[in-house]
N, C-alpha and C. Protein backbone atom coordinates (compact mmCIF):
# COMPACT_ATOMS: atom_id res chain seq x y z
N MET A 1 -11.90 -4.88 -31.68
CA MET A 1 -11.96 -6.34 -31.64
C MET A 1 -10.96 -7.73 -31.15
N LYS A 2 -11.90 -8.51 -30.81
CA LYS A 2 -11.31 -9.24 -29.47
C LYS A 2 -10.60 -9.90 -30.82
N LYS A 3 -9.51 -10.12 -29.98
CA LYS A 3 -8.04 -11.29 -30.93
C LYS A 3 -8.72 -12.60 -30.54
N VAL A 4 -8.97 -13.66 -31.62
CA VAL A 4 -9.37 -15.27 -31.72
C VAL A 4 -8.47 -16.25 -31.40
N ALA A 5 -8.23 -16.61 -30.82
CA ALA A 5 -7.26 -18.16 -30.60
C ALA A 5 -7.26 -19.11 -31.72
N ILE A 6 -6.32 -19.31 -32.52
CA ILE A 6 -6.01 -20.72 -33.43
C ILE A 6 -5.14 -21.33 -32.86
N THR A 7 -5.58 -23.01 -33.02
CA THR A 7 -4.14 -23.85 -32.87
C THR A 7 -3.39 -23.88 -34.28
N GLU A 8 -2.79 -24.48 -33.70
CA GLU A 8 -1.62 -24.52 -35.19
C GLU A 8 -2.17 -25.54 -36.42
N GLN A 9 -3.00 -26.72 -35.74
CA GLN A 9 -3.22 -27.66 -36.10
C GLN A 9 -5.07 -27.04 -37.23
N GLU A 10 -5.79 -25.84 -36.50
CA GLU A 10 -6.84 -25.18 -36.73
C GLU A 10 -6.37 -24.63 -37.93
N PHE A 11 -4.86 -24.08 -37.66
CA PHE A 11 -4.69 -22.97 -39.40
C PHE A 11 -4.18 -23.53 -40.25
N LYS A 12 -3.64 -24.91 -40.02
CA LYS A 12 -3.52 -25.97 -41.52
C LYS A 12 -4.60 -26.33 -42.04
N GLU A 13 -5.78 -26.68 -41.08
CA GLU A 13 -7.03 -27.28 -41.97
C GLU A 13 -7.90 -25.68 -42.78
N ALA A 14 -7.71 -24.85 -42.03
CA ALA A 14 -7.86 -23.44 -43.07
C ALA A 14 -7.21 -23.41 -43.79
N VAL A 15 -5.89 -23.32 -44.05
CA VAL A 15 -5.39 -22.89 -45.04
C VAL A 15 -5.81 -23.95 -46.26
N SER A 16 -5.75 -25.45 -45.42
CA SER A 16 -5.94 -26.71 -46.53
C SER A 16 -7.12 -26.11 -47.42
N ILE A 17 -6.25 -26.54 -49.07
CA ILE A 17 -7.68 -26.76 -50.09
C ILE A 17 -8.78 -27.40 -49.84
N THR A 18 -9.73 -27.49 -50.30
CA THR A 18 -10.84 -28.42 -50.03
C THR A 18 -10.76 -29.29 -51.06
N LYS A 19 -11.82 -30.60 -51.18
CA LYS A 19 -12.15 -31.29 -52.45
C LYS A 19 -13.16 -30.58 -53.21
N GLN A 20 -14.09 -29.46 -52.81
CA GLN A 20 -15.13 -28.61 -53.12
C GLN A 20 -14.66 -27.45 -53.70
N GLU A 21 -12.68 -27.03 -53.24
CA GLU A 21 -12.41 -25.83 -54.37
C GLU A 21 -11.54 -26.99 -55.31
N LYS A 22 -10.68 -28.05 -55.47
CA LYS A 22 -10.57 -28.60 -56.22
C LYS A 22 -11.63 -28.88 -57.86
N GLU A 23 -12.57 -29.39 -57.01
CA GLU A 23 -13.73 -29.24 -58.18
C GLU A 23 -13.95 -27.87 -58.75
N ASN A 24 -14.18 -26.90 -58.09
CA ASN A 24 -13.76 -25.65 -58.82
C ASN A 24 -13.38 -24.80 -59.59
N PHE A 25 -11.78 -25.65 -59.19
CA PHE A 25 -10.84 -25.79 -60.13
C PHE A 25 -10.64 -25.67 -61.41
N LYS A 26 -11.04 -26.95 -61.27
CA LYS A 26 -11.36 -27.93 -62.62
C LYS A 26 -12.44 -27.43 -63.87
N ALA A 27 -13.79 -27.00 -62.59
CA ALA A 27 -14.43 -26.46 -63.74
C ALA A 27 -14.79 -25.01 -64.14
N ARG A 28 -13.73 -24.49 -63.34
CA ARG A 28 -13.30 -22.76 -64.20
C ARG A 28 -11.90 -23.11 -64.88
N GLN A 29 -10.87 -24.10 -64.79
CA GLN A 29 -10.16 -24.71 -65.89
C GLN A 29 -8.78 -23.34 -65.49
N PHE A 30 -8.60 -23.14 -63.95
CA PHE A 30 -7.84 -22.38 -63.80
C PHE A 30 -6.16 -22.80 -63.54
N THR A 31 -5.12 -22.66 -64.25
CA THR A 31 -4.05 -22.97 -64.48
C THR A 31 -3.16 -23.53 -62.91
N GLU A 32 -2.07 -23.67 -63.29
CA GLU A 32 -1.21 -24.16 -61.94
C GLU A 32 -0.68 -23.41 -61.63
N LYS A 33 -1.02 -21.92 -61.57
CA LYS A 33 -0.10 -20.56 -60.89
C LYS A 33 -1.48 -20.31 -60.69
N GLU A 34 -2.46 -20.11 -61.00
CA GLU A 34 -3.66 -19.61 -60.50
C GLU A 34 -3.97 -20.45 -59.36
N VAL A 35 -3.94 -21.22 -59.18
CA VAL A 35 -4.37 -22.43 -58.09
C VAL A 35 -3.58 -22.16 -56.72
N GLU A 36 -1.73 -21.73 -57.31
CA GLU A 36 -1.10 -21.23 -56.69
C GLU A 36 -1.50 -19.95 -56.25
N MET A 37 -2.09 -19.05 -56.91
CA MET A 37 -2.17 -17.65 -55.90
C MET A 37 -3.01 -17.61 -55.18
N TYR A 38 -4.23 -18.74 -55.83
CA TYR A 38 -5.87 -19.16 -54.76
C TYR A 38 -5.25 -19.69 -53.28
N HIS A 39 -4.22 -20.09 -53.39
CA HIS A 39 -3.98 -21.13 -52.30
C HIS A 39 -2.73 -20.40 -51.44
N MET A 40 -2.21 -19.20 -51.51
CA MET A 40 -1.16 -17.87 -50.58
C MET A 40 -2.04 -16.77 -50.51
N LYS A 41 -3.00 -16.54 -51.62
CA LYS A 41 -4.20 -15.53 -51.08
C LYS A 41 -5.39 -16.26 -49.59
N LYS A 42 -5.42 -17.61 -49.50
CA LYS A 42 -6.43 -18.11 -48.63
C LYS A 42 -5.16 -17.95 -47.46
N PHE A 43 -3.94 -18.56 -47.69
CA PHE A 43 -3.61 -18.59 -46.36
C PHE A 43 -2.98 -16.76 -45.59
N ILE A 44 -2.82 -16.34 -46.54
CA ILE A 44 -2.68 -15.06 -46.18
C ILE A 44 -4.16 -14.27 -45.62
N HIS A 45 -5.27 -14.46 -46.33
CA HIS A 45 -6.69 -14.55 -45.43
C HIS A 45 -6.77 -14.92 -43.99
N VAL A 46 -6.37 -16.08 -44.08
CA VAL A 46 -6.88 -17.05 -43.06
C VAL A 46 -5.31 -16.18 -41.92
N TYR A 47 -4.49 -16.06 -42.03
CA TYR A 47 -3.65 -15.38 -41.45
C TYR A 47 -3.64 -13.71 -40.76
N ARG A 48 -4.62 -12.80 -41.44
CA ARG A 48 -5.05 -12.01 -41.26
C ARG A 48 -6.12 -11.51 -40.41
N LEU A 49 -6.77 -13.19 -40.63
CA LEU A 49 -8.38 -13.08 -39.80
C LEU A 49 -8.31 -13.34 -38.07
N TYR A 50 -6.89 -13.92 -38.08
CA TYR A 50 -6.83 -14.50 -36.90
C TYR A 50 -5.74 -13.76 -36.75
N GLU A 51 -4.77 -11.82 -37.28
CA GLU A 51 -4.45 -11.68 -36.72
C GLU A 51 -3.03 -12.44 -36.03
N LEU A 52 -2.75 -13.00 -36.57
CA LEU A 52 -1.26 -13.66 -36.38
C LEU A 52 0.05 -13.19 -36.05
N GLY A 53 0.13 -11.83 -36.83
CA GLY A 53 1.40 -11.27 -36.47
C GLY A 53 1.38 -10.47 -37.93
N ILE A 54 2.31 -9.35 -38.19
CA ILE A 54 2.61 -8.63 -39.25
C ILE A 54 3.20 -8.79 -40.04
N GLN A 55 3.26 -8.35 -41.93
CA GLN A 55 3.43 -8.69 -42.52
C GLN A 55 4.93 -9.65 -42.91
N ALA A 56 6.22 -9.24 -41.85
CA ALA A 56 7.51 -9.90 -41.82
C ALA A 56 7.40 -11.00 -41.32
N GLU A 57 6.97 -11.27 -40.25
CA GLU A 57 6.19 -12.82 -39.69
C GLU A 57 5.44 -13.64 -40.74
N CYS A 58 4.21 -13.22 -41.43
CA CYS A 58 3.68 -14.01 -42.51
C CYS A 58 4.51 -14.37 -43.50
N TYR A 59 5.58 -13.47 -44.24
CA TYR A 59 6.55 -14.09 -45.17
C TYR A 59 7.72 -15.24 -44.86
N ARG A 60 8.12 -15.37 -43.43
CA ARG A 60 8.23 -15.93 -43.13
C ARG A 60 7.44 -17.46 -42.57
N GLN A 61 6.35 -17.38 -41.83
CA GLN A 61 5.67 -18.78 -42.09
C GLN A 61 4.94 -18.98 -43.84
N ILE A 62 4.49 -17.99 -44.44
CA ILE A 62 3.78 -18.43 -45.62
C ILE A 62 5.59 -19.57 -46.41
N ASN A 63 6.38 -19.15 -46.40
CA ASN A 63 7.52 -19.60 -47.07
C ASN A 63 8.09 -20.76 -46.55
N GLU A 64 7.68 -21.50 -45.26
CA GLU A 64 7.54 -22.37 -44.88
C GLU A 64 6.93 -23.37 -45.11
N PHE A 65 5.12 -22.62 -45.43
CA PHE A 65 3.84 -23.68 -46.15
C PHE A 65 4.67 -23.76 -47.08
N ARG A 66 5.18 -22.87 -48.13
CA ARG A 66 5.11 -22.81 -49.61
C ARG A 66 5.70 -24.17 -49.77
N LEU A 67 7.07 -24.16 -48.84
CA LEU A 67 7.79 -25.65 -49.11
C LEU A 67 7.31 -26.84 -48.82
N SER A 68 6.64 -26.76 -47.51
CA SER A 68 5.85 -27.91 -47.28
C SER A 68 4.85 -28.11 -47.93
N ILE A 69 4.37 -27.61 -49.20
CA ILE A 69 3.11 -28.13 -50.16
C ILE A 69 4.27 -28.01 -51.61
N GLY A 70 5.30 -28.53 -51.79
CA GLY A 70 5.91 -28.37 -52.81
C GLY A 70 6.10 -27.13 -53.77
N TYR A 71 5.72 -25.63 -53.73
CA TYR A 71 5.75 -24.83 -54.32
C TYR A 71 7.48 -23.79 -53.71
N LYS A 72 8.10 -23.24 -54.55
CA LYS A 72 9.19 -22.92 -54.58
C LYS A 72 8.89 -21.56 -53.17
N GLU A 73 10.45 -21.32 -53.08
CA GLU A 73 10.35 -20.49 -51.59
C GLU A 73 9.89 -18.36 -52.88
N TRP A 74 9.44 -18.09 -51.95
CA TRP A 74 9.58 -16.52 -52.40
C TRP A 74 11.24 -16.07 -51.94
N LYS A 75 11.04 -15.14 -52.58
CA LYS A 75 12.72 -15.04 -52.58
C LYS A 75 12.32 -13.61 -52.32
N GLY A 76 11.60 -12.98 -52.25
CA GLY A 76 11.48 -11.70 -51.94
C GLY A 76 9.88 -10.85 -51.46
N HIS A 77 9.87 -9.77 -50.65
CA HIS A 77 8.58 -9.96 -50.02
C HIS A 77 7.75 -9.18 -50.91
N ARG A 78 7.61 -8.75 -51.79
CA ARG A 78 7.33 -7.80 -52.84
C ARG A 78 6.19 -8.74 -52.80
N SER A 79 6.25 -10.35 -53.05
CA SER A 79 5.09 -10.79 -53.95
C SER A 79 3.57 -10.89 -52.46
N LEU A 80 4.33 -10.92 -51.19
CA LEU A 80 3.76 -10.89 -50.13
C LEU A 80 2.85 -9.46 -50.09
N SER A 81 3.38 -8.68 -50.50
CA SER A 81 3.25 -7.28 -50.03
C SER A 81 1.81 -7.06 -51.29
N ARG A 82 1.75 -7.58 -52.18
CA ARG A 82 0.80 -7.28 -53.51
C ARG A 82 -0.33 -7.82 -53.33
N LEU A 83 -0.02 -9.21 -52.31
CA LEU A 83 -1.53 -10.04 -51.95
C LEU A 83 -2.09 -9.50 -50.58
N TRP A 84 -1.09 -8.71 -49.82
CA TRP A 84 -1.72 -8.58 -48.58
C TRP A 84 -3.29 -7.61 -48.53
N ASN A 85 -3.35 -7.01 -49.28
CA ASN A 85 -4.70 -6.16 -49.35
C ASN A 85 -6.00 -6.60 -50.40
N LYS A 86 -4.84 -7.73 -51.07
CA LYS A 86 -6.48 -7.92 -51.75
C LYS A 86 -7.26 -8.82 -51.47
N PRO A 87 -8.70 -9.04 -52.32
CA PRO A 87 -9.63 -9.76 -51.13
C PRO A 87 -9.34 -10.72 -51.72
N PHE A 88 -10.03 -11.63 -50.25
CA PHE A 88 -10.50 -13.36 -51.05
C PHE A 88 -11.75 -13.77 -51.13
N ASP A 89 -11.49 -14.63 -52.65
CA ASP A 89 -12.89 -14.74 -52.62
C ASP A 89 -13.10 -16.61 -52.46
N SER A 90 -13.11 -17.25 -51.52
CA SER A 90 -13.69 -18.41 -51.78
C SER A 90 -14.33 -19.44 -53.02
N LEU A 91 -13.30 -20.10 -52.68
CA LEU A 91 -14.28 -20.89 -53.57
C LEU A 91 -15.11 -22.23 -53.18
N GLU A 92 -15.03 -21.90 -52.19
CA GLU A 92 -16.12 -23.17 -51.34
C GLU A 92 -16.92 -22.75 -50.91
N TRP A 93 -18.15 -24.16 -51.78
CA TRP A 93 -19.32 -23.75 -51.47
C TRP A 93 -20.40 -23.14 -50.26
N LYS A 94 -19.91 -23.91 -49.13
CA LYS A 94 -20.63 -23.12 -48.06
C LYS A 94 -20.54 -21.40 -48.12
N TYR A 95 -19.48 -20.84 -48.67
CA TYR A 95 -19.10 -19.08 -48.66
C TYR A 95 -19.88 -18.88 -49.64
N CYS A 96 -20.53 -19.46 -50.46
CA CYS A 96 -20.90 -18.99 -52.05
C CYS A 96 -22.71 -18.44 -52.25
N ASP A 97 -23.26 -18.41 -50.78
CA ASP A 97 -24.17 -18.11 -51.22
C ASP A 97 -25.20 -19.01 -51.67
N ASP A 98 -25.29 -20.24 -51.64
CA ASP A 98 -26.05 -21.74 -52.48
C ASP A 98 -26.43 -21.11 -53.97
N TRP A 99 -25.33 -20.82 -54.83
CA TRP A 99 -25.32 -20.48 -56.24
C TRP A 99 -26.62 -20.95 -56.65
N ASP A 100 -27.43 -20.88 -57.61
CA ASP A 100 -28.42 -21.21 -58.33
C ASP A 100 -27.49 -21.56 -59.73
N TRP A 101 -28.14 -22.73 -59.76
CA TRP A 101 -26.96 -23.63 -61.06
C TRP A 101 -28.81 -24.09 -61.86
């Protein structure tokens, strides 16, 4: 599989939470912790999608990201390891197969 290049700005846009996702958080009554975990899973998903590095490098970058958006730094690698292979289910409508309301 060919590695796709992504700029730092494109990466930031890809991992940011959209208005649609925020509306889904409210509709599904997500807790603050669920929103945080969704955000971290999205970061890991984009990181792995573009094959930007190994878990150790992702851990360093996700901690920088967490601090920049107001979350506490992860103290250990275990939190990342648990989420690394978990599937990411996007709450953006464009990925939800035209839900029937």
